[in-house]
Amino acid sequence: MLANYSRIRLMSHRYQDEGVSIGTIGYIIETYDDGAYEVEFSASNGITIAQLVLEEHEIQLAELPIHNKNISAGAGLQPAPQRLSAGAGL
């Protein structure tokens, strides 16, 4: 069973009339005891396109894309500047 807030991809042509087609990315906002998922699909501006209850066979977990595989975790991050405590440096 997938968890709430999982990023998923729609794998069904069944919902084109609702404005979402196969491959559309959405997020699980509720899981139900019968194995169904409530999924929200939104436009890039954050406006909801559709909110559907889907069966597990209609969706697939969609990992976040990695834009540059040559960058290791944490590479290019700068340490936070250290704060001086009261009276330090006097």
N, C-alpha and C. Protein backbone atom coordinates (compact mmCIF):
# COMPACT_ATOMS: atom_id res chain seq x y z
N MET A 1 0.84 -1.18 0.00
CA MET A 1 0.00 0.00 0.00
C MET A 1 0.89 1.24 0.00
N LEU A 2 0.53 2.21 -0.81
CA LEU A 2 1.27 3.46 -0.89
C LEU A 2 0.86 4.40 0.23
N ALA A 3 1.76 5.28 0.61
CA ALA A 3 1.52 6.19 1.73
C ALA A 3 0.91 7.51 1.26
N ASN A 4 0.22 8.17 2.19
CA ASN A 4 -0.26 9.52 1.91
C ASN A 4 0.91 10.40 1.49
N TYR A 5 0.65 11.32 0.58
CA TYR A 5 1.61 12.29 0.05
C TYR A 5 2.62 11.69 -0.89
N SER A 6 2.42 10.42 -1.29
CA SER A 6 3.29 9.82 -2.30
C SER A 6 3.01 10.47 -3.65
N ARG A 7 4.07 10.67 -4.41
CA ARG A 7 3.97 11.21 -5.77
C ARG A 7 3.68 10.03 -6.70
N ILE A 8 2.62 10.14 -7.49
CA ILE A 8 2.23 9.03 -8.35
C ILE A 8 2.05 9.50 -9.80
N ARG A 9 2.00 8.53 -10.69
CA ARG A 9 1.73 8.77 -12.11
C ARG A 9 0.47 7.99 -12.48
N LEU A 10 -0.46 8.64 -13.15
CA LEU A 10 -1.68 7.98 -13.60
C LEU A 10 -1.36 7.02 -14.73
N MET A 11 -1.86 5.80 -14.64
CA MET A 11 -1.56 4.76 -15.63
C MET A 11 -2.82 4.31 -16.36
N SER A 12 -3.86 5.13 -16.37
CA SER A 12 -5.13 4.77 -16.99
C SER A 12 -5.61 5.88 -17.91
N HIS A 13 -6.23 5.50 -19.03
CA HIS A 13 -6.83 6.45 -19.96
C HIS A 13 -8.26 6.82 -19.53
N ARG A 14 -8.73 6.21 -18.50
CA ARG A 14 -10.12 6.29 -18.07
C ARG A 14 -10.59 7.68 -17.63
N TYR A 15 -9.68 8.58 -17.29
CA TYR A 15 -10.06 9.85 -16.66
C TYR A 15 -9.80 11.08 -17.53
N GLN A 16 -9.69 10.89 -18.83
CA GLN A 16 -9.43 12.02 -19.72
C GLN A 16 -10.55 13.06 -19.67
N ASP A 17 -11.77 12.63 -19.46
CA ASP A 17 -12.89 13.57 -19.37
C ASP A 17 -12.80 14.45 -18.12
N GLU A 18 -12.03 14.01 -17.12
CA GLU A 18 -11.81 14.80 -15.91
C GLU A 18 -10.61 15.73 -16.05
N GLY A 19 -9.94 15.69 -17.19
CA GLY A 19 -8.82 16.59 -17.44
C GLY A 19 -7.45 16.02 -17.15
N VAL A 20 -7.37 14.73 -16.85
CA VAL A 20 -6.06 14.09 -16.61
C VAL A 20 -5.90 12.90 -17.54
N SER A 21 -4.73 12.81 -18.13
CA SER A 21 -4.46 11.72 -19.06
C SER A 21 -3.35 10.83 -18.50
N ILE A 22 -3.12 9.74 -19.16
CA ILE A 22 -2.09 8.80 -18.72
C ILE A 22 -0.75 9.53 -18.62
N GLY A 23 -0.03 9.28 -17.54
CA GLY A 23 1.26 9.92 -17.31
C GLY A 23 1.20 11.16 -16.44
N THR A 24 -0.01 11.66 -16.18
CA THR A 24 -0.14 12.86 -15.35
C THR A 24 0.31 12.56 -13.92
N ILE A 25 1.04 13.49 -13.34
CA ILE A 25 1.56 13.34 -11.97
C ILE A 25 0.55 13.90 -10.98
N GLY A 26 0.36 13.18 -9.89
CA GLY A 26 -0.52 13.62 -8.82
C GLY A 26 0.04 13.18 -7.47
N TYR A 27 -0.67 13.53 -6.41
CA TYR A 27 -0.24 13.16 -5.06
C TYR A 27 -1.39 12.52 -4.31
N ILE A 28 -1.08 11.44 -3.59
CA ILE A 28 -2.08 10.77 -2.76
C ILE A 28 -2.38 11.67 -1.56
N ILE A 29 -3.66 11.97 -1.39
CA ILE A 29 -4.05 12.80 -0.24
C ILE A 29 -4.83 12.01 0.80
N GLU A 30 -5.26 10.79 0.43
CA GLU A 30 -5.96 9.93 1.39
C GLU A 30 -5.86 8.49 0.93
N THR A 31 -5.68 7.58 1.88
CA THR A 31 -5.71 6.15 1.58
C THR A 31 -6.93 5.55 2.28
N TYR A 32 -7.55 4.59 1.62
CA TYR A 32 -8.77 3.98 2.16
C TYR A 32 -8.53 2.51 2.48
N ASP A 33 -9.30 2.00 3.42
CA ASP A 33 -9.16 0.61 3.87
C ASP A 33 -9.38 -0.40 2.77
N ASP A 34 -10.16 -0.05 1.75
CA ASP A 34 -10.42 -0.99 0.66
C ASP A 34 -9.31 -1.01 -0.40
N GLY A 35 -8.21 -0.25 -0.15
CA GLY A 35 -7.09 -0.23 -1.08
C GLY A 35 -7.15 0.88 -2.11
N ALA A 36 -8.17 1.71 -2.06
CA ALA A 36 -8.29 2.83 -3.00
C ALA A 36 -7.51 4.03 -2.45
N TYR A 37 -7.22 4.97 -3.36
CA TYR A 37 -6.48 6.17 -3.02
C TYR A 37 -7.20 7.40 -3.55
N GLU A 38 -7.27 8.44 -2.75
CA GLU A 38 -7.76 9.72 -3.25
C GLU A 38 -6.52 10.50 -3.70
N VAL A 39 -6.54 10.92 -4.95
CA VAL A 39 -5.37 11.55 -5.56
C VAL A 39 -5.76 12.92 -6.09
N GLU A 40 -4.91 13.90 -5.82
CA GLU A 40 -5.12 15.24 -6.35
C GLU A 40 -4.12 15.49 -7.48
N PHE A 41 -4.64 15.99 -8.60
CA PHE A 41 -3.83 16.39 -9.75
C PHE A 41 -3.96 17.89 -9.88
N SER A 42 -2.82 18.59 -9.96
CA SER A 42 -2.83 20.05 -10.00
C SER A 42 -2.04 20.57 -11.19
N ALA A 43 -2.42 21.76 -11.65
CA ALA A 43 -1.67 22.46 -12.70
C ALA A 43 -0.41 23.06 -12.07
N SER A 44 0.51 23.52 -12.90
CA SER A 44 1.77 24.08 -12.40
C SER A 44 1.55 25.32 -11.53
N ASN A 45 0.40 25.98 -11.67
CA ASN A 45 0.11 27.15 -10.84
C ASN A 45 -0.55 26.77 -9.51
N GLY A 46 -0.72 25.47 -9.25
CA GLY A 46 -1.27 24.99 -7.99
C GLY A 46 -2.77 24.80 -7.98
N ILE A 47 -3.45 25.18 -9.06
CA ILE A 47 -4.90 25.01 -9.13
C ILE A 47 -5.22 23.53 -9.36
N THR A 48 -6.15 22.99 -8.60
CA THR A 48 -6.53 21.58 -8.74
C THR A 48 -7.23 21.35 -10.07
N ILE A 49 -6.75 20.35 -10.81
CA ILE A 49 -7.36 19.94 -12.07
C ILE A 49 -8.44 18.91 -11.78
N ALA A 50 -8.08 17.91 -10.95
CA ALA A 50 -9.01 16.84 -10.62
C ALA A 50 -8.62 16.23 -9.29
N GLN A 51 -9.62 15.73 -8.60
CA GLN A 51 -9.42 14.99 -7.36
C GLN A 51 -10.24 13.72 -7.52
N LEU A 52 -9.53 12.58 -7.61
CA LEU A 52 -10.16 11.32 -7.99
C LEU A 52 -9.86 10.23 -6.97
N VAL A 53 -10.76 9.28 -6.84
CA VAL A 53 -10.50 8.06 -6.07
C VAL A 53 -10.11 6.99 -7.08
N LEU A 54 -8.89 6.47 -6.91
CA LEU A 54 -8.31 5.54 -7.87
C LEU A 54 -7.92 4.23 -7.21
N GLU A 55 -7.94 3.18 -8.00
CA GLU A 55 -7.48 1.86 -7.55
C GLU A 55 -5.96 1.76 -7.76
N GLU A 56 -5.31 0.91 -6.99
CA GLU A 56 -3.86 0.80 -7.06
C GLU A 56 -3.36 0.42 -8.45
N HIS A 57 -4.12 -0.38 -9.20
CA HIS A 57 -3.68 -0.77 -10.54
C HIS A 57 -3.73 0.39 -11.54
N GLU A 58 -4.34 1.51 -11.15
CA GLU A 58 -4.45 2.67 -12.04
C GLU A 58 -3.33 3.69 -11.83
N ILE A 59 -2.49 3.46 -10.83
CA ILE A 59 -1.42 4.41 -10.52
C ILE A 59 -0.09 3.69 -10.36
N GLN A 60 0.98 4.48 -10.43
CA GLN A 60 2.32 3.95 -10.27
C GLN A 60 3.12 4.98 -9.48
N LEU A 61 3.94 4.53 -8.54
CA LEU A 61 4.78 5.44 -7.79
C LEU A 61 5.70 6.18 -8.76
N ALA A 62 5.82 7.48 -8.61
CA ALA A 62 6.65 8.32 -9.49
C ALA A 62 7.71 9.00 -8.66
N GLU A 63 8.93 8.58 -8.80
CA GLU A 63 10.04 9.19 -8.06
C GLU A 63 10.28 10.60 -8.57
N LEU A 64 10.82 11.44 -7.72
CA LEU A 64 11.19 12.79 -8.15
C LEU A 64 12.35 12.70 -9.12
N PRO A 65 12.36 13.51 -10.17
CA PRO A 65 13.45 13.46 -11.14
C PRO A 65 14.74 14.00 -10.54
N ILE A 66 15.86 13.43 -10.96
CA ILE A 66 17.17 13.91 -10.56
C ILE A 66 17.71 14.69 -11.75
N HIS A 67 17.93 15.98 -11.58
CA HIS A 67 18.32 16.83 -12.70
C HIS A 67 19.77 16.66 -13.10
N ASN A 68 20.66 16.41 -12.16
CA ASN A 68 22.06 16.24 -12.49
C ASN A 68 22.61 15.09 -11.66
N LYS A 69 22.77 13.95 -12.28
CA LYS A 69 23.22 12.76 -11.57
C LYS A 69 24.68 12.85 -11.15
N ASN A 70 25.45 13.83 -11.69
CA ASN A 70 26.86 13.98 -11.34
C ASN A 70 27.07 14.71 -10.02
N ILE A 71 26.00 15.29 -9.48
CA ILE A 71 26.11 16.01 -8.22
C ILE A 71 25.79 15.04 -7.08
N SER A 72 26.73 14.87 -6.18
CA SER A 72 26.48 13.98 -5.05
C SER A 72 25.67 14.72 -4.00
N ALA A 73 25.07 13.98 -3.12
CA ALA A 73 24.24 14.58 -2.06
C ALA A 73 25.06 15.56 -1.26
N GLY A 74 24.58 16.77 -1.13
CA GLY A 74 25.25 17.78 -0.34
C GLY A 74 26.32 18.56 -1.08
N ALA A 75 26.68 18.14 -2.29
CA ALA A 75 27.72 18.84 -3.04
C ALA A 75 27.26 20.25 -3.37
N GLY A 76 28.16 21.19 -3.23
CA GLY A 76 27.85 22.57 -3.57
C GLY A 76 27.15 23.34 -2.47
N LEU A 77 26.85 22.68 -1.36
CA LEU A 77 26.21 23.37 -0.26
C LEU A 77 27.26 24.06 0.58
N GLN A 78 26.98 25.28 0.98
CA GLN A 78 27.90 26.04 1.81
C GLN A 78 27.47 25.93 3.26
N PRO A 79 28.42 25.84 4.18
CA PRO A 79 28.03 25.80 5.59
C PRO A 79 27.40 27.13 5.99
N ALA A 80 26.51 27.06 6.93
CA ALA A 80 25.86 28.28 7.43
C ALA A 80 26.89 29.12 8.18
N PRO A 81 26.81 30.44 8.05
CA PRO A 81 27.77 31.29 8.79
C PRO A 81 27.55 31.10 10.29
N GLN A 82 28.65 31.13 11.03
CA GLN A 82 28.54 30.97 12.47
C GLN A 82 28.24 32.31 13.11
N ARG A 83 27.37 32.30 14.08
CA ARG A 83 27.02 33.51 14.79
C ARG A 83 27.93 33.68 15.98
N LEU A 84 28.27 34.91 16.23
CA LEU A 84 29.08 35.20 17.41
C LEU A 84 28.18 35.31 18.61
N SER A 85 28.60 34.72 19.70
CA SER A 85 27.80 34.83 20.92
C SER A 85 28.07 36.18 21.56
N ALA A 86 27.19 36.56 22.45
CA ALA A 86 27.31 37.87 23.12
C ALA A 86 28.66 37.97 23.81
N GLY A 87 29.39 39.02 23.54
CA GLY A 87 30.67 39.24 24.17
C GLY A 87 31.84 38.57 23.46
N ALA A 88 31.54 37.76 22.43
CA ALA A 88 32.63 37.08 21.72
C ALA A 88 33.37 38.09 20.87
N GLY A 89 34.66 37.93 20.76
CA GLY A 89 35.48 38.76 19.91
C GLY A 89 35.79 40.12 20.53
N LEU A 90 35.45 40.29 21.78
CA LEU A 90 35.76 41.57 22.44
C LEU A 90 37.06 41.50 23.15
